[in-house]
């Protein structure tokens, strides 16, 4: 007697990967970077997704992207970007890329130790 094998009986389904998202909040605003919306821009110009009106912020200051299952911030500015993680370690990124993990804050062009008017909070959520 021939019995047909059910594929699910033979090979268990692989667990689905939970979609990742990066949540950015500043003031009363919130925006997400996901696989569906993989790129976000920050700058002084009105065409940026996050507009920061400050002389220390470049017209196109930074890009935040989802690629290869991680979130990265690429600074394209003269004044750099300061990234502080959840334990308070701050790193300055200038014309370079930094992978964002966990939670923390981002300051575009302004050292957060001297001034905090434009802090953006970030959280990577699985």
PDB file of N, CA and C in Angstrom:
ATOM      1  N   UNK A   1       0.832  -1.159   0.000  1.00  0.00           N
ATOM      2  CA  UNK A   1       0.000   0.000   0.000  1.00  0.00           C
ATOM      3  C   UNK A   1       0.890   1.239   0.000  1.00  0.00           C
ATOM      4  N   UNK A   2       0.705   2.089  -0.960  1.00  0.00           N
ATOM      5  CA  UNK A   2       1.498   3.315  -1.063  1.00  0.00           C
ATOM      6  C   UNK A   2       0.847   4.415  -0.240  1.00  0.00           C
ATOM      7  N   UNK A   3       1.648   5.045   0.543  1.00  0.00           N
ATOM      8  CA  UNK A   3       1.166   6.172   1.341  1.00  0.00           C
ATOM      9  C   UNK A   3       1.907   7.421   0.902  1.00  0.00           C
ATOM     10  N   UNK A   4       1.178   8.499   0.671  1.00  0.00           N
ATOM     11  CA  UNK A   4       1.814   9.755   0.294  1.00  0.00           C
ATOM     12  C   UNK A   4       2.326  10.431   1.555  1.00  0.00           C
ATOM     13  N   UNK A   5       3.521  10.946   1.453  1.00  0.00           N
ATOM     14  CA  UNK A   5       4.103  11.666   2.582  1.00  0.00           C
ATOM     15  C   UNK A   5       3.678  13.130   2.545  1.00  0.00           C
ATOM     16  N   UNK A   6       3.315  13.603   3.675  1.00  0.00           N
ATOM     17  CA  UNK A   6       3.002  15.012   3.824  1.00  0.00           C
ATOM     18  C   UNK A   6       4.311  15.736   4.121  1.00  0.00           C
ATOM     19  N   UNK A   7       4.611  16.763   3.361  1.00  0.00           N
ATOM     20  CA  UNK A   7       5.874  17.483   3.530  1.00  0.00           C
ATOM     21  C   UNK A   7       6.024  17.991   4.952  1.00  0.00           C
ATOM     22  N   UNK A   8       4.958  18.485   5.572  1.00  0.00           N
ATOM     23  CA  UNK A   8       5.041  18.988   6.934  1.00  0.00           C
ATOM     24  C   UNK A   8       5.414  17.887   7.924  1.00  0.00           C
ATOM     25  N   UNK A   9       5.023  16.656   7.647  1.00  0.00           N
ATOM     26  CA  UNK A   9       5.385  15.553   8.525  1.00  0.00           C
ATOM     27  C   UNK A   9       6.856  15.218   8.392  1.00  0.00           C
ATOM     28  N   UNK A  10       7.397  15.378   7.195  1.00  0.00           N
ATOM     29  CA  UNK A  10       8.779  14.998   6.943  1.00  0.00           C
ATOM     30  C   UNK A  10       9.757  16.079   7.376  1.00  0.00           C
ATOM     31  N   UNK A  11       9.484  17.315   6.980  1.00  0.00           N
ATOM     32  CA  UNK A  11      10.356  18.438   7.324  1.00  0.00           C
ATOM     33  C   UNK A  11       9.562  19.473   8.096  1.00  0.00           C
ATOM     34  N   UNK A  12       9.883  19.657   9.353  1.00  0.00           N
ATOM     35  CA  UNK A  12       9.153  20.669  10.107  1.00  0.00           C
ATOM     36  C   UNK A  12       9.429  22.051   9.519  1.00  0.00           C
ATOM     37  N   UNK A  13       8.438  22.888   9.589  1.00  0.00           N
ATOM     38  CA  UNK A  13       8.587  24.242   9.068  1.00  0.00           C
ATOM     39  C   UNK A  13       9.648  24.984   9.859  1.00  0.00           C
ATOM     40  N   UNK A  14      10.444  25.766   9.174  1.00  0.00           N
ATOM     41  CA  UNK A  14      11.458  26.550   9.867  1.00  0.00           C
ATOM     42  C   UNK A  14      10.770  27.716  10.571  1.00  0.00           C
ATOM     43  N   UNK A  15      11.290  28.108  11.723  1.00  0.00           N
ATOM     44  CA  UNK A  15      10.648  29.204  12.445  1.00  0.00           C
ATOM     45  C   UNK A  15      10.745  30.496  11.636  1.00  0.00           C
ATOM     46  N   UNK A  16       9.679  31.224  11.635  1.00  0.00           N
ATOM     47  CA  UNK A  16       9.667  32.489  10.901  1.00  0.00           C
ATOM     48  C   UNK A  16      10.502  33.520  11.648  1.00  0.00           C
ATOM     49  N   UNK A  17      11.282  34.269  10.915  1.00  0.00           N
ATOM     50  CA  UNK A  17      12.074  35.326  11.523  1.00  0.00           C
ATOM     51  C   UNK A  17      11.170  36.510  11.816  1.00  0.00           C
ATOM     52  N   UNK A  18      11.261  36.995  13.023  1.00  0.00           N
ATOM     53  CA  UNK A  18      10.468  38.166  13.379  1.00  0.00           C
ATOM     54  C   UNK A  18      11.034  39.377  12.644  1.00  0.00           C
ATOM     55  N   UNK A  19      10.186  40.168  12.053  1.00  0.00           N
ATOM     56  CA  UNK A  19      10.701  41.338  11.348  1.00  0.00           C
ATOM     57  C   UNK A  19      11.322  42.322  12.326  1.00  0.00           C
ATOM     58  N   UNK A  20      12.467  42.869  11.941  1.00  0.00           N
ATOM     59  CA  UNK A  20      13.132  43.845  12.779  1.00  0.00           C
ATOM     60  C   UNK A  20      12.669  45.240  12.415  1.00  0.00           C
ATOM     61  N   UNK A  21      12.768  46.129  13.398  1.00  0.00           N
ATOM     62  CA  UNK A  21      12.442  47.528  13.134  1.00  0.00           C
ATOM     63  C   UNK A  21      13.289  48.399  14.045  1.00  0.00           C
ATOM     64  N   UNK A  22      13.592  49.563  13.542  1.00  0.00           N
ATOM     65  CA  UNK A  22      14.303  50.573  14.302  1.00  0.00           C
ATOM     66  C   UNK A  22      13.323  51.713  14.522  1.00  0.00           C
ATOM     67  N   UNK A  23      13.084  52.060  15.779  1.00  0.00           N
ATOM     68  CA  UNK A  23      12.151  53.135  16.107  1.00  0.00           C
ATOM     69  C   UNK A  23      12.968  54.345  16.540  1.00  0.00           C
ATOM     70  N   UNK A  24      12.716  55.478  15.884  1.00  0.00           N
ATOM     71  CA  UNK A  24      13.377  56.737  16.211  1.00  0.00           C
ATOM     72  C   UNK A  24      12.326  57.695  16.756  1.00  0.00           C
ATOM     73  N   UNK A  25      12.598  58.307  17.917  1.00  0.00           N
ATOM     74  CA  UNK A  25      11.650  59.258  18.495  1.00  0.00           C
ATOM     75  C   UNK A  25      12.385  60.543  18.865  1.00  0.00           C
ATOM     76  N   UNK A  26      11.723  61.662  18.626  1.00  0.00           N
ATOM     77  CA  UNK A  26      12.222  62.973  19.028  1.00  0.00           C
ATOM     78  C   UNK A  26      11.014  63.867  19.228  1.00  0.00           C
ATOM     79  N   UNK A  27      10.973  64.507  20.372  1.00  0.00           N
ATOM     80  CA  UNK A  27       9.799  65.317  20.700  1.00  0.00           C
ATOM     81  C   UNK A  27       8.546  64.460  20.639  1.00  0.00           C
ATOM     82  N   UNK A  28       7.546  64.935  19.920  1.00  0.00           N
ATOM     83  CA  UNK A  28       6.291  64.196  19.765  1.00  0.00           C
ATOM     84  C   UNK A  28       6.287  63.344  18.501  1.00  0.00           C
ATOM     85  N   UNK A  29       7.428  63.226  17.844  1.00  0.00           N
ATOM     86  CA  UNK A  29       7.513  62.506  16.568  1.00  0.00           C
ATOM     87  C   UNK A  29       8.094  61.106  16.754  1.00  0.00           C
ATOM     88  N   UNK A  30       7.660  60.207  15.882  1.00  0.00           N
ATOM     89  CA  UNK A  30       8.197  58.848  15.871  1.00  0.00           C
ATOM     90  C   UNK A  30       8.184  58.342  14.436  1.00  0.00           C
ATOM     91  N   UNK A  31       9.248  57.655  14.052  1.00  0.00           N
ATOM     92  CA  UNK A  31       9.331  57.077  12.713  1.00  0.00           C
ATOM     93  C   UNK A  31      10.059  55.734  12.829  1.00  0.00           C
ATOM     94  N   UNK A  32       9.730  54.824  11.918  1.00  0.00           N
ATOM     95  CA  UNK A  32      10.348  53.495  11.927  1.00  0.00           C
ATOM     96  C   UNK A  32      11.126  53.255  10.644  1.00  0.00           C
ATOM     97  N   UNK A  33      12.224  52.527  10.785  1.00  0.00           N
ATOM     98  CA  UNK A  33      12.969  52.016   9.646  1.00  0.00           C
ATOM     99  C   UNK A  33      12.771  50.510   9.682  1.00  0.00           C
ATOM    100  N   UNK A  34      12.280  49.950   8.583  1.00  0.00           N
ATOM    101  CA  UNK A  34      11.996  48.519   8.502  1.00  0.00           C
ATOM    102  C   UNK A  34      12.431  48.001   7.132  1.00  0.00           C
ATOM    103  N   UNK A  35      12.195  46.741   6.921  1.00  0.00           N
ATOM    104  CA  UNK A  35      12.481  46.163   5.609  1.00  0.00           C
ATOM    105  C   UNK A  35      11.624  46.831   4.531  1.00  0.00           C
ATOM    106  N   UNK A  36      10.417  47.217   4.890  1.00  0.00           N
ATOM    107  CA  UNK A  36       9.523  47.885   3.931  1.00  0.00           C
ATOM    108  C   UNK A  36       9.892  49.349   3.701  1.00  0.00           C
ATOM    109  N   UNK A  37      10.442  49.987   4.714  1.00  0.00           N
ATOM    110  CA  UNK A  37      10.934  51.367   4.590  1.00  0.00           C
ATOM    111  C   UNK A  37      12.393  51.358   5.040  1.00  0.00           C
ATOM    112  N   UNK A  38      13.298  50.953   4.136  1.00  0.00           N
ATOM    113  CA  UNK A  38      14.671  50.669   4.548  1.00  0.00           C
ATOM    114  C   UNK A  38      15.613  51.859   4.651  1.00  0.00           C
ATOM    115  N   UNK A  39      15.197  53.040   4.211  1.00  0.00           N
ATOM    116  CA  UNK A  39      16.102  54.189   4.231  1.00  0.00           C
ATOM    117  C   UNK A  39      15.412  55.418   4.783  1.00  0.00           C
ATOM    118  N   UNK A  40      16.149  56.154   5.602  1.00  0.00           N
ATOM    119  CA  UNK A  40      15.653  57.388   6.183  1.00  0.00           C
ATOM    120  C   UNK A  40      16.798  58.399   6.139  1.00  0.00           C
ATOM    121  N   UNK A  41      16.500  59.648   5.824  1.00  0.00           N
ATOM    122  CA  UNK A  41      17.541  60.678   5.776  1.00  0.00           C
ATOM    123  C   UNK A  41      17.320  61.707   6.878  1.00  0.00           C
ATOM    124  N   UNK A  42      18.435  62.288   7.319  1.00  0.00           N
ATOM    125  CA  UNK A  42      18.414  63.319   8.352  1.00  0.00           C
ATOM    126  C   UNK A  42      19.207  64.504   7.833  1.00  0.00           C
ATOM    127  N   UNK A  43      18.651  65.694   7.982  1.00  0.00           N
ATOM    128  CA  UNK A  43      19.384  66.877   7.548  1.00  0.00           C
ATOM    129  C   UNK A  43      18.627  68.153   7.809  1.00  0.00           C
ATOM    130  N   UNK A  44      19.235  69.240   7.380  1.00  0.00           N
ATOM    131  CA  UNK A  44      18.660  70.569   7.560  1.00  0.00           C
ATOM    132  C   UNK A  44      17.641  70.896   6.476  1.00  0.00           C
ATOM    133  N   UNK A  45      17.756  70.241   5.311  1.00  0.00           N
ATOM    134  CA  UNK A  45      16.860  70.511   4.181  1.00  0.00           C
ATOM    135  C   UNK A  45      15.481  69.916   4.417  1.00  0.00           C
ATOM    136  N   UNK A  46      14.473  70.575   3.888  1.00  0.00           N
ATOM    137  CA  UNK A  46      13.096  70.132   4.052  1.00  0.00           C
ATOM    138  C   UNK A  46      12.781  68.806   3.391  1.00  0.00           C
ATOM    139  N   UNK A  47      13.636  68.321   2.490  1.00  0.00           N
ATOM    140  CA  UNK A  47      13.369  67.041   1.827  1.00  0.00           C
ATOM    141  C   UNK A  47      13.805  65.844   2.673  1.00  0.00           C
ATOM    142  N   UNK A  48      14.490  66.100   3.790  1.00  0.00           N
ATOM    143  CA  UNK A  48      14.921  65.005   4.661  1.00  0.00           C
ATOM    144  C   UNK A  48      13.728  64.442   5.418  1.00  0.00           C
ATOM    145  N   UNK A  49      13.812  63.170   5.794  1.00  0.00           N
ATOM    146  CA  UNK A  49      12.754  62.542   6.583  1.00  0.00           C
ATOM    147  C   UNK A  49      12.702  63.121   7.995  1.00  0.00           C
ATOM    148  N   UNK A  50      13.877  63.386   8.566  1.00  0.00           N
ATOM    149  CA  UNK A  50      13.971  64.073   9.855  1.00  0.00           C
ATOM    150  C   UNK A  50      14.692  65.385   9.585  1.00  0.00           C
ATOM    151  N   UNK A  51      13.996  66.495   9.793  1.00  0.00           N
ATOM    152  CA  UNK A  51      14.566  67.815   9.546  1.00  0.00           C
ATOM    153  C   UNK A  51      14.958  68.436  10.876  1.00  0.00           C
ATOM    154  N   UNK A  52      16.228  68.840  10.983  1.00  0.00           N
ATOM    155  CA  UNK A  52      16.728  69.493  12.187  1.00  0.00           C
ATOM    156  C   UNK A  52      17.273  70.852  11.767  1.00  0.00           C
ATOM    157  N   UNK A  53      16.620  71.895  12.223  1.00  0.00           N
ATOM    158  CA  UNK A  53      17.009  73.267  11.881  1.00  0.00           C
ATOM    159  C   UNK A  53      18.114  73.726  12.833  1.00  0.00           C
ATOM    160  N   UNK A  54      19.353  73.497  12.426  1.00  0.00           N
ATOM    161  CA  UNK A  54      20.505  73.908  13.214  1.00  0.00           C
ATOM    162  C   UNK A  54      21.667  74.137  12.263  1.00  0.00           C
ATOM    163  N   UNK A  55      22.448  75.158  12.534  1.00  0.00           N
ATOM    164  CA  UNK A  55      23.630  75.428  11.730  1.00  0.00           C
ATOM    165  C   UNK A  55      24.690  74.347  11.842  1.00  0.00           C
ATOM    166  N   UNK A  56      24.614  73.508  12.876  1.00  0.00           N
ATOM    167  CA  UNK A  56      25.574  72.413  13.061  1.00  0.00           C
ATOM    168  C   UNK A  56      25.179  71.165  12.277  1.00  0.00           C
ATOM    169  N   UNK A  57      23.974  71.160  11.717  1.00  0.00           N
ATOM    170  CA  UNK A  57      23.475  70.014  10.956  1.00  0.00           C
ATOM    171  C   UNK A  57      23.630  70.312   9.471  1.00  0.00           C
ATOM    172  N   UNK A  58      24.209  69.389   8.730  1.00  0.00           N
ATOM    173  CA  UNK A  58      24.402  69.555   7.289  1.00  0.00           C
ATOM    174  C   UNK A  58      23.080  69.407   6.549  1.00  0.00           C
ATOM    175  N   UNK A  59      23.048  69.905   5.313  1.00  0.00           N
ATOM    176  CA  UNK A  59      21.818  69.792   4.510  1.00  0.00           C
ATOM    177  C   UNK A  59      21.392  68.340   4.393  1.00  0.00           C
ATOM    178  N   UNK A  60      22.324  67.447   4.074  1.00  0.00           N
ATOM    179  CA  UNK A  60      22.086  66.004   4.127  1.00  0.00           C
ATOM    180  C   UNK A  60      23.117  65.448   5.091  1.00  0.00           C
ATOM    181  N   UNK A  61      22.733  65.330   6.339  1.00  0.00           N
ATOM    182  CA  UNK A  61      23.663  65.012   7.421  1.00  0.00           C
ATOM    183  C   UNK A  61      23.977  63.517   7.517  1.00  0.00           C
ATOM    184  N   UNK A  62      22.930  62.687   7.455  1.00  0.00           N
ATOM    185  CA  UNK A  62      23.134  61.249   7.663  1.00  0.00           C
ATOM    186  C   UNK A  62      22.028  60.443   6.993  1.00  0.00           C
ATOM    187  N   UNK A  63      22.342  59.175   6.758  1.00  0.00           N
ATOM    188  CA  UNK A  63      21.366  58.199   6.267  1.00  0.00           C
ATOM    189  C   UNK A  63      21.299  57.069   7.279  1.00  0.00           C
ATOM    190  N   UNK A  64      20.098  56.603   7.540  1.00  0.00           N
ATOM    191  CA  UNK A  64      19.908  55.429   8.393  1.00  0.00           C
ATOM    192  C   UNK A  64      19.256  54.380   7.519  1.00  0.00           C
ATOM    193  N   UNK A  65      19.856  53.176   7.491  1.00  0.00           N
ATOM    194  CA  UNK A  65      19.406  52.143   6.559  1.00  0.00           C
ATOM    195  C   UNK A  65      19.270  50.787   7.224  1.00  0.00           C
ATOM    196  N   UNK A  66      18.323  50.027   6.726  1.00  0.00           N
ATOM    197  CA  UNK A  66      18.190  48.619   7.078  1.00  0.00           C
ATOM    198  C   UNK A  66      18.777  47.830   5.922  1.00  0.00           C
ATOM    199  N   UNK A  67      19.804  47.054   6.189  1.00  0.00           N
ATOM    200  CA  UNK A  67      20.396  46.206   5.157  1.00  0.00           C
ATOM    201  C   UNK A  67      21.137  45.054   5.831  1.00  0.00           C
ATOM    202  N   UNK A  68      21.078  43.927   5.181  1.00  0.00           N
ATOM    203  CA  UNK A  68      21.745  42.726   5.700  1.00  0.00           C
ATOM    204  C   UNK A  68      21.371  42.449   7.157  1.00  0.00           C
ATOM    205  N   UNK A  69      20.101  42.520   7.470  1.00  0.00           N
ATOM    206  CA  UNK A  69      19.501  42.250   8.783  1.00  0.00           C
ATOM    207  C   UNK A  69      20.036  43.132   9.918  1.00  0.00           C
ATOM    208  N   UNK A  70      20.569  44.301   9.590  1.00  0.00           N
ATOM    209  CA  UNK A  70      20.994  45.231  10.640  1.00  0.00           C
ATOM    210  C   UNK A  70      20.681  46.661  10.224  1.00  0.00           C
ATOM    211  N   UNK A  71      20.760  47.549  11.193  1.00  0.00           N
ATOM    212  CA  UNK A  71      20.495  48.960  10.954  1.00  0.00           C
ATOM    213  C   UNK A  71      21.800  49.722  11.063  1.00  0.00           C
ATOM    214  N   UNK A  72      22.069  50.556  10.077  1.00  0.00           N
ATOM    215  CA  UNK A  72      23.312  51.315  10.101  1.00  0.00           C
ATOM    216  C   UNK A  72      23.041  52.796   9.896  1.00  0.00           C
ATOM    217  N   UNK A  73      23.865  53.606  10.534  1.00  0.00           N
ATOM    218  CA  UNK A  73      23.830  55.045  10.364  1.00  0.00           C
ATOM    219  C   UNK A  73      25.104  55.433   9.629  1.00  0.00           C
ATOM    220  N   UNK A  74      24.958  56.137   8.521  1.00  0.00           N
ATOM    221  CA  UNK A  74      26.105  56.624   7.760  1.00  0.00           C
ATOM    222  C   UNK A  74      26.118  58.140   7.847  1.00  0.00           C
ATOM    223  N   UNK A  75      27.157  58.673   8.465  1.00  0.00           N
ATOM    224  CA  UNK A  75      27.303  60.121   8.590  1.00  0.00           C
ATOM    225  C   UNK A  75      27.925  60.661   7.299  1.00  0.00           C
ATOM    226  N   UNK A  76      27.350  61.760   6.790  1.00  0.00           N
ATOM    227  CA  UNK A  76      27.826  62.396   5.572  1.00  0.00           C
ATOM    228  C   UNK A  76      28.112  63.872   5.816  1.00  0.00           C
ATOM    229  N   UNK A  77      28.413  64.236   7.043  1.00  0.00           N
ATOM    230  CA  UNK A  77      28.468  65.641   7.435  1.00  0.00           C
ATOM    231  C   UNK A  77      29.886  66.117   7.721  1.00  0.00           C
ATOM    232  N   UNK A  78      29.984  67.416   7.970  1.00  0.00           N
ATOM    233  CA  UNK A  78      31.250  68.020   8.389  1.00  0.00           C
ATOM    234  C   UNK A  78      31.438  67.930   9.899  1.00  0.00           C
ATOM    235  N   UNK A  79      30.328  68.006  10.646  1.00  0.00           N
ATOM    236  CA  UNK A  79      30.408  68.072  12.110  1.00  0.00           C
ATOM    237  C   UNK A  79      30.243  66.734  12.811  1.00  0.00           C
ATOM    238  N   UNK A  80      29.892  65.687  12.091  1.00  0.00           N
ATOM    239  CA  UNK A  80      29.784  64.364  12.691  1.00  0.00           C
ATOM    240  C   UNK A  80      28.458  64.116  13.390  1.00  0.00           C
ATOM    241  N   UNK A  81      28.315  62.885  13.838  1.00  0.00           N
ATOM    242  CA  UNK A  81      27.124  62.434  14.554  1.00  0.00           C
ATOM    243  C   UNK A  81      27.591  61.702  15.802  1.00  0.00           C
ATOM    244  N   UNK A  82      26.937  61.984  16.922  1.00  0.00           N
ATOM    245  CA  UNK A  82      27.283  61.357  18.196  1.00  0.00           C
ATOM    246  C   UNK A  82      26.228  60.311  18.534  1.00  0.00           C
ATOM    247  N   UNK A  83      26.694  59.102  18.816  1.00  0.00           N
ATOM    248  CA  UNK A  83      25.796  57.997  19.142  1.00  0.00           C
ATOM    249  C   UNK A  83      26.143  57.503  20.541  1.00  0.00           C
ATOM    250  N   UNK A  84      25.154  57.518  21.437  1.00  0.00           N
ATOM    251  CA  UNK A  84      25.348  57.022  22.801  1.00  0.00           C
ATOM    252  C   UNK A  84      24.481  55.784  22.992  1.00  0.00           C
ATOM    253  N   UNK A  85      25.086  54.708  23.481  1.00  0.00           N
ATOM    254  CA  UNK A  85      24.308  53.485  23.701  1.00  0.00           C
ATOM    255  C   UNK A  85      23.642  53.525  25.071  1.00  0.00           C
ATOM    256  N   UNK A  86      22.957  52.448  25.429  1.00  0.00           N
ATOM    257  CA  UNK A  86      22.157  52.416  26.662  1.00  0.00           C
ATOM    258  C   UNK A  86      22.998  52.494  27.932  1.00  0.00           C
ATOM    259  N   UNK A  87      24.286  52.160  27.856  1.00  0.00           N
ATOM    260  CA  UNK A  87      25.143  52.268  29.044  1.00  0.00           C
ATOM    261  C   UNK A  87      25.879  53.601  29.098  1.00  0.00           C
ATOM    262  N   UNK A  88      25.646  54.467  28.093  1.00  0.00           N
ATOM    263  CA  UNK A  88      26.219  55.802  28.113  1.00  0.00           C
ATOM    264  C   UNK A  88      27.513  55.982  27.351  1.00  0.00           C
ATOM    265  N   UNK A  89      28.015  54.925  26.734  1.00  0.00           N
ATOM    266  CA  UNK A  89      29.237  55.056  25.932  1.00  0.00           C
ATOM    267  C   UNK A  89      28.911  55.820  24.650  1.00  0.00           C
ATOM    268  N   UNK A  90      29.628  56.935  24.429  1.00  0.00           N
ATOM    269  CA  UNK A  90      29.361  57.789  23.276  1.00  0.00           C
ATOM    270  C   UNK A  90      30.464  57.619  22.236  1.00  0.00           C
ATOM    271  N   UNK A  91      30.041  57.539  20.994  1.00  0.00           N
ATOM    272  CA  UNK A  91      30.982  57.405  19.880  1.00  0.00           C
ATOM    273  C   UNK A  91      30.649  58.485  18.859  1.00  0.00           C
ATOM    274  N   UNK A  92      31.681  59.136  18.348  1.00  0.00           N
ATOM    275  CA  UNK A  92      31.479  60.121  17.292  1.00  0.00           C
ATOM    276  C   UNK A  92      31.769  59.456  15.955  1.00  0.00           C
ATOM    277  N   UNK A  93      30.833  59.642  15.022  1.00  0.00           N
ATOM    278  CA  UNK A  93      30.965  59.075  13.678  1.00  0.00           C
ATOM    279  C   UNK A  93      31.020  60.253  12.714  1.00  0.00           C
ATOM    280  N   UNK A  94      32.061  60.296  11.884  1.00  0.00           N
ATOM    281  CA  UNK A  94      32.173  61.354  10.882  1.00  0.00           C
ATOM    282  C   UNK A  94      32.595  60.708   9.567  1.00  0.00           C
ATOM    283  N   UNK A  95      31.746  60.875   8.556  1.00  0.00           N
ATOM    284  CA  UNK A  95      31.999  60.285   7.235  1.00  0.00           C
ATOM    285  C   UNK A  95      32.315  58.799   7.345  1.00  0.00           C
ATOM    286  N   UNK A  96      31.543  58.120   8.163  1.00  0.00           N
ATOM    287  CA  UNK A  96      31.735  56.693   8.410  1.00  0.00           C
ATOM    288  C   UNK A  96      30.370  56.078   8.718  1.00  0.00           C
ATOM    289  N   UNK A  97      30.341  54.770   8.880  1.00  0.00           N
ATOM    290  CA  UNK A  97      29.106  54.042   9.154  1.00  0.00           C
ATOM    291  C   UNK A  97      29.213  53.337  10.494  1.00  0.00           C
ATOM    292  N   UNK A  98      28.121  53.340  11.238  1.00  0.00           N
ATOM    293  CA  UNK A  98      28.050  52.686  12.545  1.00  0.00           C
ATOM    294  C   UNK A  98      26.784  51.834  12.588  1.00  0.00           C
ATOM    295  N   UNK A  99      26.889  50.594  13.056  1.00  0.00           N
ATOM    296  CA  UNK A  99      25.728  49.716  13.193  1.00  0.00           C
ATOM    297  C   UNK A  99      25.033  50.027  14.512  1.00  0.00           C
ATOM    298  N   UNK A 100      23.726  50.279  14.426  1.00  0.00           N
ATOM    299  CA  UNK A 100      22.924  50.588  15.609  1.00  0.00           C
ATOM    300  C   UNK A 100      22.364  49.295  16.202  1.00  0.00           C
ATOM    301  N   UNK A 101      22.557  49.109  17.499  1.00  0.00           N
ATOM    302  CA  UNK A 101      22.006  47.951  18.212  1.00  0.00           C
ATOM    303  C   UNK A 101      21.411  48.424  19.527  1.00  0.00           C
ATOM    304  N   UNK A 102      20.468  47.674  20.041  1.00  0.00           N
ATOM    305  CA  UNK A 102      19.889  47.999  21.344  1.00  0.00           C
ATOM    306  C   UNK A 102      19.168  49.324  21.354  1.00  0.00           C
ATOM    307  N   UNK A 103      19.446  50.128  22.380  1.00  0.00           N
ATOM    308  CA  UNK A 103      18.812  51.435  22.519  1.00  0.00           C
ATOM    309  C   UNK A 103      19.874  52.491  22.781  1.00  0.00           C
ATOM    310  N   UNK A 104      19.479  53.747  22.575  1.00  0.00           N
ATOM    311  CA  UNK A 104      20.411  54.837  22.841  1.00  0.00           C
ATOM    312  C   UNK A 104      19.895  56.143  22.293  1.00  0.00           C
ATOM    313  N   UNK A 105      20.813  57.096  22.132  1.00  0.00           N
ATOM    314  CA  UNK A 105      20.463  58.402  21.594  1.00  0.00           C
ATOM    315  C   UNK A 105      21.435  58.779  20.477  1.00  0.00           C
ATOM    316  N   UNK A 106      20.944  59.637  19.583  1.00  0.00           N
ATOM    317  CA  UNK A 106      21.748  60.141  18.472  1.00  0.00           C
ATOM    318  C   UNK A 106      21.662  61.658  18.503  1.00  0.00           C
ATOM    319  N   UNK A 107      22.816  62.306  18.361  1.00  0.00           N
ATOM    320  CA  UNK A 107      22.865  63.758  18.280  1.00  0.00           C
ATOM    321  C   UNK A 107      23.592  64.119  16.988  1.00  0.00           C
ATOM    322  N   UNK A 108      22.934  64.868  16.136  1.00  0.00           N
ATOM    323  CA  UNK A 108      23.469  65.198  14.818  1.00  0.00           C
ATOM    324  C   UNK A 108      24.201  66.535  14.863  1.00  0.00           C
ATOM    325  N   UNK A 109      25.535  66.488  14.748  1.00  0.00           N
ATOM    326  CA  UNK A 109      26.346  67.691  14.667  1.00  0.00           C
ATOM    327  C   UNK A 109      26.678  68.369  15.970  1.00  0.00           C
ATOM    328  N   UNK A 110      26.053  67.985  17.062  1.00  0.00           N
ATOM    329  CA  UNK A 110      26.248  68.649  18.350  1.00  0.00           C
ATOM    330  C   UNK A 110      26.642  67.614  19.394  1.00  0.00           C
ATOM    331  N   UNK A 111      27.737  67.859  20.098  1.00  0.00           N
ATOM    332  CA  UNK A 111      28.166  66.965  21.160  1.00  0.00           C
ATOM    333  C   UNK A 111      27.108  66.968  22.256  1.00  0.00           C
ATOM    334  N   UNK A 112      26.516  65.824  22.571  1.00  0.00           N
ATOM    335  CA  UNK A 112      25.437  65.785  23.568  1.00  0.00           C
ATOM    336  C   UNK A 112      25.901  66.134  24.980  1.00  0.00           C
ATOM    337  N   UNK A 113      27.211  66.118  25.226  1.00  0.00           N
ATOM    338  CA  UNK A 113      27.712  66.488  26.547  1.00  0.00           C
ATOM    339  C   UNK A 113      27.638  68.003  26.758  1.00  0.00           C
ATOM    340  N   UNK A 114      27.626  68.775  25.656  1.00  0.00           N
ATOM    341  CA  UNK A 114      27.578  70.231  25.778  1.00  0.00           C
ATOM    342  C   UNK A 114      26.182  70.791  25.558  1.00  0.00           C
ATOM    343  N   UNK A 115      25.360  70.081  24.771  1.00  0.00           N
ATOM    344  CA  UNK A 115      24.012  70.565  24.472  1.00  0.00           C
ATOM    345  C   UNK A 115      23.157  69.399  24.010  1.00  0.00           C
ATOM    346  N   UNK A 116      21.890  69.389  24.406  1.00  0.00           N
ATOM    347  CA  UNK A 116      21.008  68.282  24.044  1.00  0.00           C
ATOM    348  C   UNK A 116      19.690  68.724  23.415  1.00  0.00           C
ATOM    349  N   UNK A 117      19.664  69.776  22.613  1.00  0.00           N
ATOM    350  CA  UNK A 117      18.369  70.224  22.104  1.00  0.00           C
ATOM    351  C   UNK A 117      17.764  69.323  21.026  1.00  0.00           C
ATOM    352  N   UNK A 118      18.578  68.597  20.317  1.00  0.00           N
ATOM    353  CA  UNK A 118      18.074  67.822  19.184  1.00  0.00           C
ATOM    354  C   UNK A 118      18.353  66.325  19.317  1.00  0.00           C
ATOM    355  N   UNK A 119      18.255  65.786  20.519  1.00  0.00           N
ATOM    356  CA  UNK A 119      18.515  64.354  20.710  1.00  0.00           C
ATOM    357  C   UNK A 119      17.402  63.525  20.099  1.00  0.00           C
ATOM    358  N   UNK A 120      17.807  62.471  19.402  1.00  0.00           N
ATOM    359  CA  UNK A 120      16.870  61.498  18.834  1.00  0.00           C
ATOM    360  C   UNK A 120      17.107  60.180  19.554  1.00  0.00           C
ATOM    361  N   UNK A 121      16.066  59.618  20.133  1.00  0.00           N
ATOM    362  CA  UNK A 121      16.190  58.317  20.796  1.00  0.00           C
ATOM    363  C   UNK A 121      15.986  57.221  19.759  1.00  0.00           C
ATOM    364  N   UNK A 122      16.744  56.113  19.921  1.00  0.00           N
ATOM    365  CA  UNK A 122      16.550  54.992  19.013  1.00  0.00           C
ATOM    366  C   UNK A 122      16.411  53.695  19.796  1.00  0.00           C
ATOM    367  N   UNK A 123      15.678  52.755  19.204  1.00  0.00           N
ATOM    368  CA  UNK A 123      15.523  51.417  19.793  1.00  0.00           C
ATOM    369  C   UNK A 123      15.386  50.417  18.654  1.00  0.00           C
ATOM    370  N   UNK A 124      16.258  49.418  18.658  1.00  0.00           N
ATOM    371  CA  UNK A 124      16.171  48.321  17.699  1.00  0.00           C
ATOM    372  C   UNK A 124      15.309  47.253  18.341  1.00  0.00           C
ATOM    373  N   UNK A 125      14.192  46.921  17.693  1.00  0.00           N
ATOM    374  CA  UNK A 125      13.254  45.929  18.227  1.00  0.00           C
ATOM    375  C   UNK A 125      13.175  44.734  17.289  1.00  0.00           C
ATOM    376  N   UNK A 126      13.283  43.542  17.852  1.00  0.00           N
ATOM    377  CA  UNK A 126      13.155  42.350  16.979  1.00  0.00           C
ATOM    378  C   UNK A 126      11.725  42.144  16.527  1.00  0.00           C
TER     379      UNK A 126
END
